[in-house]
C-alpha atoms as a PDB file:
ATOM      1  CA  UNK A   1      -5.542  14.715  11.754  1.00  0.00           C
ATOM      2  CA  UNK A   2      -6.503  12.447  14.621  1.00  0.00           C
ATOM      3  CA  UNK A   3      -8.321   9.169  14.862  1.00  0.00           C
ATOM      4  CA  UNK A   4     -11.414  11.079  15.955  1.00  0.00           C
ATOM      5  CA  UNK A   5     -11.571  12.559  12.450  1.00  0.00           C
ATOM      6  CA  UNK A   6     -11.727   9.051  10.962  1.00  0.00           C
ATOM      7  CA  UNK A   7     -14.068   7.115  13.277  1.00  0.00           C
ATOM      8  CA  UNK A   8     -15.051   4.683  10.531  1.00  0.00           C
ATOM      9  CA  UNK A   9     -11.418   3.734   9.957  1.00  0.00           C
ATOM     10  CA  UNK A  10     -10.734   3.320  13.651  1.00  0.00           C
ATOM     11  CA  UNK A  11     -13.794   1.088  13.923  1.00  0.00           C
ATOM     12  CA  UNK A  12     -12.584  -0.875  10.929  1.00  0.00           C
ATOM     13  CA  UNK A  13      -9.179  -1.344  12.539  1.00  0.00           C
ATOM     14  CA  UNK A  14     -10.791  -2.530  15.769  1.00  0.00           C
ATOM     15  CA  UNK A  15     -12.966  -5.032  13.892  1.00  0.00           C
ATOM     16  CA  UNK A  16     -10.047  -6.320  11.835  1.00  0.00           C
ATOM     17  CA  UNK A  17      -7.810  -6.921  14.827  1.00  0.00           C
ATOM     18  CA  UNK A  18     -10.622  -8.603  16.752  1.00  0.00           C
ATOM     19  CA  UNK A  19     -11.316 -10.857  13.758  1.00  0.00           C
ATOM     20  CA  UNK A  20      -7.635 -11.710  13.341  1.00  0.00           C
ATOM     21  CA  UNK A  21      -7.430 -12.733  16.991  1.00  0.00           C
ATOM     22  CA  UNK A  22     -10.377 -15.080  16.429  1.00  0.00           C
ATOM     23  CA  UNK A  23     -11.744 -14.774  19.932  1.00  0.00           C
ATOM     24  CA  UNK A  24      -8.397 -14.832  21.719  1.00  0.00           C
ATOM     25  CA  UNK A  25      -7.859 -12.344  24.504  1.00  0.00           C
ATOM     26  CA  UNK A  26      -5.734  -9.291  23.903  1.00  0.00           C
ATOM     27  CA  UNK A  27      -5.393  -5.602  24.657  1.00  0.00           C
ATOM     28  CA  UNK A  28      -7.800  -2.938  23.435  1.00  0.00           C
ATOM     29  CA  UNK A  29      -7.167  -2.478  19.691  1.00  0.00           C
ATOM     30  CA  UNK A  30      -8.038   1.234  19.712  1.00  0.00           C
ATOM     31  CA  UNK A  31      -4.692   2.676  20.916  1.00  0.00           C
ATOM     32  CA  UNK A  32      -2.889   0.792  18.163  1.00  0.00           C
ATOM     33  CA  UNK A  33      -5.349   2.114  15.592  1.00  0.00           C
ATOM     34  CA  UNK A  34      -4.966   5.681  16.835  1.00  0.00           C
ATOM     35  CA  UNK A  35      -1.193   5.394  16.604  1.00  0.00           C
ATOM     36  CA  UNK A  36      -1.405   4.113  13.038  1.00  0.00           C
ATOM     37  CA  UNK A  37      -3.827   6.815  11.934  1.00  0.00           C
ATOM     38  CA  UNK A  38      -1.540   9.466  13.423  1.00  0.00           C
ATOM     39  CA  UNK A  39       1.336   8.012  11.409  1.00  0.00           C
ATOM     40  CA  UNK A  40      -0.702   8.042   8.193  1.00  0.00           C
ATOM     41  CA  UNK A  41      -1.499  11.738   8.815  1.00  0.00           C
ATOM     42  CA  UNK A  42       2.100  12.932   9.189  1.00  0.00           C
ATOM     43  CA  UNK A  43       2.838  16.247   7.431  1.00  0.00           C
ATOM     44  CA  UNK A  44       5.509  14.935   5.025  1.00  0.00           C
ATOM     45  CA  UNK A  45       2.917  12.783   3.277  1.00  0.00           C
ATOM     46  CA  UNK A  46       1.093  13.854   0.127  1.00  0.00           C
ATOM     47  CA  UNK A  47       0.135  10.540  -1.488  1.00  0.00           C
ATOM     48  CA  UNK A  48       0.850   8.034   1.281  1.00  0.00           C
ATOM     49  CA  UNK A  49      -1.939   9.466   3.423  1.00  0.00           C
ATOM     50  CA  UNK A  50      -5.051   8.239   5.207  1.00  0.00           C
ATOM     51  CA  UNK A  51      -6.785   8.450   1.821  1.00  0.00           C
ATOM     52  CA  UNK A  52      -4.314   5.922   0.397  1.00  0.00           C
ATOM     53  CA  UNK A  53      -4.874   3.606   3.353  1.00  0.00           C
ATOM     54  CA  UNK A  54      -8.630   3.841   2.855  1.00  0.00           C
ATOM     55  CA  UNK A  55      -8.268   3.201  -0.882  1.00  0.00           C
ATOM     56  CA  UNK A  56      -6.154   0.067  -0.350  1.00  0.00           C
ATOM     57  CA  UNK A  57      -8.658  -1.316   2.152  1.00  0.00           C
ATOM     58  CA  UNK A  58     -11.481  -0.590  -0.293  1.00  0.00           C
ATOM     59  CA  UNK A  59      -9.626  -2.364  -3.103  1.00  0.00           C
ATOM     60  CA  UNK A  60      -9.083  -5.406  -0.885  1.00  0.00           C
ATOM     61  CA  UNK A  61     -12.844  -5.483  -0.363  1.00  0.00           C
ATOM     62  CA  UNK A  62     -13.383  -5.129  -4.109  1.00  0.00           C
ATOM     63  CA  UNK A  63     -11.082  -8.037  -4.860  1.00  0.00           C
ATOM     64  CA  UNK A  64     -12.868 -10.151  -2.269  1.00  0.00           C
ATOM     65  CA  UNK A  65     -16.298  -9.204  -3.615  1.00  0.00           C
ATOM     66  CA  UNK A  66     -15.234 -10.129  -7.153  1.00  0.00           C
ATOM     67  CA  UNK A  67     -14.592 -13.752  -6.393  1.00  0.00           C
ATOM     68  CA  UNK A  68     -11.350 -13.695  -4.464  1.00  0.00           C
ATOM     69  CA  UNK A  69     -11.100 -16.661  -2.135  1.00  0.00           C
ATOM     70  CA  UNK A  70      -8.553 -18.350   0.024  1.00  0.00           C
ATOM     71  CA  UNK A  71      -5.768 -16.650   1.883  1.00  0.00           C
ATOM     72  CA  UNK A  72      -5.938 -14.991   5.272  1.00  0.00           C
ATOM     73  CA  UNK A  73      -7.991 -11.914   4.572  1.00  0.00           C
ATOM     74  CA  UNK A  74      -7.728 -10.279   7.995  1.00  0.00           C
ATOM     75  CA  UNK A  75      -3.943 -10.580   7.888  1.00  0.00           C
ATOM     76  CA  UNK A  76      -3.940  -8.946   4.459  1.00  0.00           C
ATOM     77  CA  UNK A  77      -6.014  -6.097   5.875  1.00  0.00           C
ATOM     78  CA  UNK A  78      -3.629  -5.713   8.803  1.00  0.00           C
ATOM     79  CA  UNK A  79      -0.724  -5.602   6.354  1.00  0.00           C
ATOM     80  CA  UNK A  80      -2.496  -2.794   4.490  1.00  0.00           C
ATOM     81  CA  UNK A  81      -2.628  -0.799   7.717  1.00  0.00           C
ATOM     82  CA  UNK A  82       1.086  -1.265   8.314  1.00  0.00           C
ATOM     83  CA  UNK A  83       2.518  -1.219   4.779  1.00  0.00           C
ATOM     84  CA  UNK A  84       3.346   2.505   4.774  1.00  0.00           C
ATOM     85  CA  UNK A  85       3.005   3.145   8.505  1.00  0.00           C
ATOM     86  CA  UNK A  86       6.602   4.325   8.526  1.00  0.00           C
ATOM     87  CA  UNK A  87       7.104   6.674   5.613  1.00  0.00           C
ATOM     88  CA  UNK A  88       9.900   9.137   5.028  1.00  0.00           C
ATOM     89  CA  UNK A  89      10.405   9.967   1.344  1.00  0.00           C
ATOM     90  CA  UNK A  90      14.107  10.628   1.965  1.00  0.00           C
ATOM     91  CA  UNK A  91      14.667   7.105   3.363  1.00  0.00           C
ATOM     92  CA  UNK A  92      14.966   3.783   1.574  1.00  0.00           C
ATOM     93  CA  UNK A  93      14.114   1.449   4.447  1.00  0.00           C
ATOM     94  CA  UNK A  94      10.473   2.441   4.968  1.00  0.00           C
ATOM     95  CA  UNK A  95       9.026  -1.000   4.270  1.00  0.00           C
ATOM     96  CA  UNK A  96      11.498  -2.709   6.569  1.00  0.00           C
ATOM     97  CA  UNK A  97      10.798  -0.257   9.371  1.00  0.00           C
ATOM     98  CA  UNK A  98       7.052  -0.657   8.782  1.00  0.00           C
ATOM     99  CA  UNK A  99       7.395  -4.445   8.977  1.00  0.00           C
ATOM    100  CA  UNK A 100       9.388  -4.152  12.202  1.00  0.00           C
ATOM    101  CA  UNK A 101       6.666  -1.908  13.638  1.00  0.00           C
ATOM    102  CA  UNK A 102       4.062  -4.517  12.685  1.00  0.00           C
ATOM    103  CA  UNK A 103       6.050  -7.271  14.369  1.00  0.00           C
ATOM    104  CA  UNK A 104       6.295  -5.342  17.623  1.00  0.00           C
ATOM    105  CA  UNK A 105       2.730  -3.981  17.690  1.00  0.00           C
ATOM    106  CA  UNK A 106       0.923  -7.134  16.619  1.00  0.00           C
ATOM    107  CA  UNK A 107       2.870  -9.332  19.024  1.00  0.00           C
ATOM    108  CA  UNK A 108       1.771  -7.015  21.838  1.00  0.00           C
ATOM    109  CA  UNK A 109      -1.772  -6.974  20.429  1.00  0.00           C
ATOM    110  CA  UNK A 110      -2.200 -10.731  20.771  1.00  0.00           C
ATOM    111  CA  UNK A 111      -1.503 -12.278  17.378  1.00  0.00           C
ATOM    112  CA  UNK A 112       0.299 -15.608  17.090  1.00  0.00           C
ATOM    113  CA  UNK A 113       3.895 -15.792  15.845  1.00  0.00           C
ATOM    114  CA  UNK A 114       2.664 -17.173  12.507  1.00  0.00           C
ATOM    115  CA  UNK A 115       0.183 -14.327  12.074  1.00  0.00           C
ATOM    116  CA  UNK A 116       2.732 -11.683  12.995  1.00  0.00           C
ATOM    117  CA  UNK A 117       5.295 -13.161  10.608  1.00  0.00           C
ATOM    118  CA  UNK A 118       2.792 -13.269   7.766  1.00  0.00           C
ATOM    119  CA  UNK A 119       1.767  -9.629   8.177  1.00  0.00           C
ATOM    120  CA  UNK A 120       5.423  -8.571   8.274  1.00  0.00           C
ATOM    121  CA  UNK A 121       6.190 -10.665   5.184  1.00  0.00           C
ATOM    122  CA  UNK A 122       3.362  -8.990   3.303  1.00  0.00           C
ATOM    123  CA  UNK A 123       4.567  -5.530   4.275  1.00  0.00           C
ATOM    124  CA  UNK A 124       8.064  -6.366   3.011  1.00  0.00           C
ATOM    125  CA  UNK A 125       6.569  -7.680  -0.222  1.00  0.00           C
ATOM    126  CA  UNK A 126       5.437  -4.158  -1.119  1.00  0.00           C
ATOM    127  CA  UNK A 127       9.064  -3.319  -1.897  1.00  0.00           C
ATOM    128  CA  UNK A 128       8.837  -5.264  -5.169  1.00  0.00           C
ATOM    129  CA  UNK A 129       5.102  -5.937  -5.647  1.00  0.00           C
ATOM    130  CA  UNK A 130       6.173  -9.285  -7.094  1.00  0.00           C
ATOM    131  CA  UNK A 131       4.487 -12.108  -5.154  1.00  0.00           C
ATOM    132  CA  UNK A 132       5.312 -15.687  -5.974  1.00  0.00           C
ATOM    133  CA  UNK A 133       2.747 -17.724  -7.946  1.00  0.00           C
ATOM    134  CA  UNK A 134       0.071 -19.010  -5.603  1.00  0.00           C
ATOM    135  CA  UNK A 135       0.767 -16.433  -2.893  1.00  0.00           C
ATOM    136  CA  UNK A 136      -2.881 -15.437  -2.481  1.00  0.00           C
ATOM    137  CA  UNK A 137      -2.235 -13.084   0.420  1.00  0.00           C
ATOM    138  CA  UNK A 138       0.573 -11.350  -1.417  1.00  0.00           C
ATOM    139  CA  UNK A 139      -1.384 -11.114  -4.653  1.00  0.00           C
ATOM    140  CA  UNK A 140      -4.305  -9.471  -2.889  1.00  0.00           C
ATOM    141  CA  UNK A 141      -2.251  -6.871  -1.037  1.00  0.00           C
ATOM    142  CA  UNK A 142      -0.017  -6.003  -3.984  1.00  0.00           C
ATOM    143  CA  UNK A 143      -2.943  -5.673  -6.385  1.00  0.00           C
ATOM    144  CA  UNK A 144      -4.801  -3.435  -3.950  1.00  0.00           C
ATOM    145  CA  UNK A 145      -1.722  -1.262  -3.427  1.00  0.00           C
ATOM    146  CA  UNK A 146      -1.102  -0.888  -7.169  1.00  0.00           C
ATOM    147  CA  UNK A 147      -4.747  -0.294  -8.125  1.00  0.00           C
ATOM    148  CA  UNK A 148      -4.148   3.480  -8.189  1.00  0.00           C
ATOM    149  CA  UNK A 149      -2.227   2.849 -11.415  1.00  0.00           C
ATOM    150  CA  UNK A 150      -5.450   1.736 -13.107  1.00  0.00           C
ATOM    151  CA  UNK A 151      -7.566   4.791 -12.308  1.00  0.00           C
ATOM    152  CA  UNK A 152      -8.901   7.359 -14.791  1.00  0.00           C
ATOM    153  CA  UNK A 153      -6.439   9.872 -16.200  1.00  0.00           C
ATOM    154  CA  UNK A 154      -7.434  12.711 -13.850  1.00  0.00           C
ATOM    155  CA  UNK A 155      -7.064  10.552 -10.739  1.00  0.00           C
ATOM    156  CA  UNK A 156      -3.788   9.168 -12.026  1.00  0.00           C
ATOM    157  CA  UNK A 157      -2.569  12.695 -12.661  1.00  0.00           C
ATOM    158  CA  UNK A 158      -3.434  13.644  -9.096  1.00  0.00           C
ATOM    159  CA  UNK A 159      -1.517  10.608  -7.859  1.00  0.00           C
ATOM    160  CA  UNK A 160       1.623  11.463  -9.801  1.00  0.00           C
ATOM    161  CA  UNK A 161       1.432  15.100  -8.693  1.00  0.00           C
ATOM    162  CA  UNK A 162       1.162  14.018  -5.047  1.00  0.00           C
ATOM    163  CA  UNK A 163       4.144  11.689  -5.420  1.00  0.00           C
ATOM    164  CA  UNK A 164       6.158  14.562  -6.896  1.00  0.00           C
ATOM    165  CA  UNK A 165       5.210  16.744  -3.908  1.00  0.00           C
ATOM    166  CA  UNK A 166       6.454  14.092  -1.504  1.00  0.00           C
ATOM    167  CA  UNK A 167       9.784  14.211  -3.292  1.00  0.00           C
ATOM    168  CA  UNK A 168       9.865  17.995  -3.537  1.00  0.00           C
ATOM    169  CA  UNK A 169      13.403  18.004  -2.122  1.00  0.00           C
ATOM    170  CA  UNK A 170      14.678  16.076  -5.179  1.00  0.00           C
ATOM    171  CA  UNK A 171      15.767  18.103  -8.243  1.00  0.00           C
ATOM    172  CA  UNK A 172      13.658  17.604 -11.370  1.00  0.00           C
ATOM    173  CA  UNK A 173      16.260  15.686 -13.371  1.00  0.00           C
ATOM    174  CA  UNK A 174      16.975  13.274 -10.529  1.00  0.00           C
ATOM    175  CA  UNK A 175      13.287  12.782  -9.847  1.00  0.00           C
ATOM    176  CA  UNK A 176      12.527  12.000 -13.483  1.00  0.00           C
ATOM    177  CA  UNK A 177      15.359   9.469 -13.586  1.00  0.00           C
ATOM    178  CA  UNK A 178      14.240   7.770 -10.372  1.00  0.00           C
ATOM    179  CA  UNK A 179      10.574   7.751 -11.261  1.00  0.00           C
ATOM    180  CA  UNK A 180      11.338   6.363 -14.713  1.00  0.00           C
ATOM    181  CA  UNK A 181      13.306   3.540 -13.102  1.00  0.00           C
ATOM    182  CA  UNK A 182      10.303   2.642 -10.938  1.00  0.00           C
ATOM    183  CA  UNK A 183       7.959   2.688 -13.925  1.00  0.00           C
ATOM    184  CA  UNK A 184      10.273   0.546 -16.043  1.00  0.00           C
ATOM    185  CA  UNK A 185      10.501  -2.007 -13.228  1.00  0.00           C
ATOM    186  CA  UNK A 186       6.717  -2.243 -12.983  1.00  0.00           C
ATOM    187  CA  UNK A 187       6.204  -2.299 -16.749  1.00  0.00           C
ATOM    188  CA  UNK A 188       8.815  -5.053 -16.987  1.00  0.00           C
ATOM    189  CA  UNK A 189       6.810  -7.397 -14.785  1.00  0.00           C
ATOM    190  CA  UNK A 190       5.010 -10.091 -16.774  1.00  0.00           C
ATOM    191  CA  UNK A 191       1.817  -8.998 -15.023  1.00  0.00           C
ATOM    192  CA  UNK A 192       1.221  -6.020 -12.781  1.00  0.00           C
ATOM    193  CA  UNK A 193      -1.866  -7.583 -11.241  1.00  0.00           C
ATOM    194  CA  UNK A 194      -1.831 -11.181 -10.110  1.00  0.00           C
ATOM    195  CA  UNK A 195      -5.421 -11.763  -9.032  1.00  0.00           C
ATOM    196  CA  UNK A 196      -7.795 -12.814 -11.820  1.00  0.00           C
ATOM    197  CA  UNK A 197      -9.947  -9.723 -11.271  1.00  0.00           C
ATOM    198  CA  UNK A 198      -6.999  -7.336 -11.206  1.00  0.00           C
ATOM    199  CA  UNK A 199      -5.506  -8.831 -14.347  1.00  0.00           C
ATOM    200  CA  UNK A 200      -8.802  -8.641 -16.211  1.00  0.00           C
ATOM    201  CA  UNK A 201     -10.008  -5.220 -15.065  1.00  0.00           C
ATOM    202  CA  UNK A 202      -6.954  -3.140 -14.100  1.00  0.00           C
ATOM    203  CA  UNK A 203      -3.966  -4.344 -16.137  1.00  0.00           C
ATOM    204  CA  UNK A 204      -4.562  -2.645 -19.479  1.00  0.00           C
ATOM    205  CA  UNK A 205      -5.433   0.793 -18.122  1.00  0.00           C
ATOM    206  CA  UNK A 206      -2.541   0.726 -15.641  1.00  0.00           C
ATOM    207  CA  UNK A 207      -0.029   0.008 -18.393  1.00  0.00           C
ATOM    208  CA  UNK A 208      -1.474   2.761 -20.556  1.00  0.00           C
ATOM    209  CA  UNK A 209      -1.201   5.250 -17.706  1.00  0.00           C
ATOM    210  CA  UNK A 210       2.368   4.286 -16.853  1.00  0.00           C
ATOM    211  CA  UNK A 211       3.552   4.227 -20.444  1.00  0.00           C
ATOM    212  CA  UNK A 212       2.105   7.704 -20.933  1.00  0.00           C
ATOM    213  CA  UNK A 213       3.803   8.947 -17.775  1.00  0.00           C
ATOM    214  CA  UNK A 214       7.110   7.337 -18.741  1.00  0.00           C
ATOM    215  CA  UNK A 215       6.983   8.934 -22.171  1.00  0.00           C
ATOM    216  CA  UNK A 216       6.382  12.343 -20.590  1.00  0.00           C
ATOM    217  CA  UNK A 217       9.224  11.875 -18.112  1.00  0.00           C
ATOM    218  CA  UNK A 218      11.761  10.789 -20.718  1.00  0.00           C
ATOM    219  CA  UNK A 219      10.813  13.442 -23.242  1.00  0.00           C
ATOM    220  CA  UNK A 220      10.789  16.346 -20.782  1.00  0.00           C
ATOM    221  CA  UNK A 221      13.588  18.883 -21.347  1.00  0.00           C
ATOM    222  CA  UNK A 222      16.455  18.670 -18.896  1.00  0.00           C
ATOM    223  CA  UNK A 223      17.091  21.545 -16.538  1.00  0.00           C
ATOM    224  CA  UNK A 224      19.967  23.847 -17.402  1.00  0.00           C
END
């Protein structure tokens, strides 16, 4: 897919970068947006696709519409664009490489050192999804990224199937062990969702979905 297939997203990127620059001069945002959309459309992706990017941006809007305030919203949106911009399911340093890409691209694109550093910090935060108390930017991005966990059972099932496809090179037993580790980490957090809206609306369903998935993973028969 190309940026031309997602004109609304490219326009959204352009608007976000212009807003983040707050009237400062800088290069045309469009080439950066096209590069990002091409990355999100790479063939190895099944879940971490343009649809996931769009969903995270939509959830950020939802959180804002439901009373979210404070923070640097345009920087959070930029972090959403970059948070899985580098994605190889067989690599463990995707978030770090995505943050490094953000640092390089956004410096060229005219953001201040503070703004660049904040976007990169937010991208790195998606390794753990565990923002510190009072980290409004981090809470917003992490909640939006994890909101897929709180969807209806059919959508959640599609999500887990897509994740399994991305890791198709991993044998079933190893995948179940790794996925179970991820789920236990998330379930072990005192709260999955840190914004008031996320905690009130998404927390319970997300835990039900993950506990059901974990039970299925740990009860599945092992391969011979």
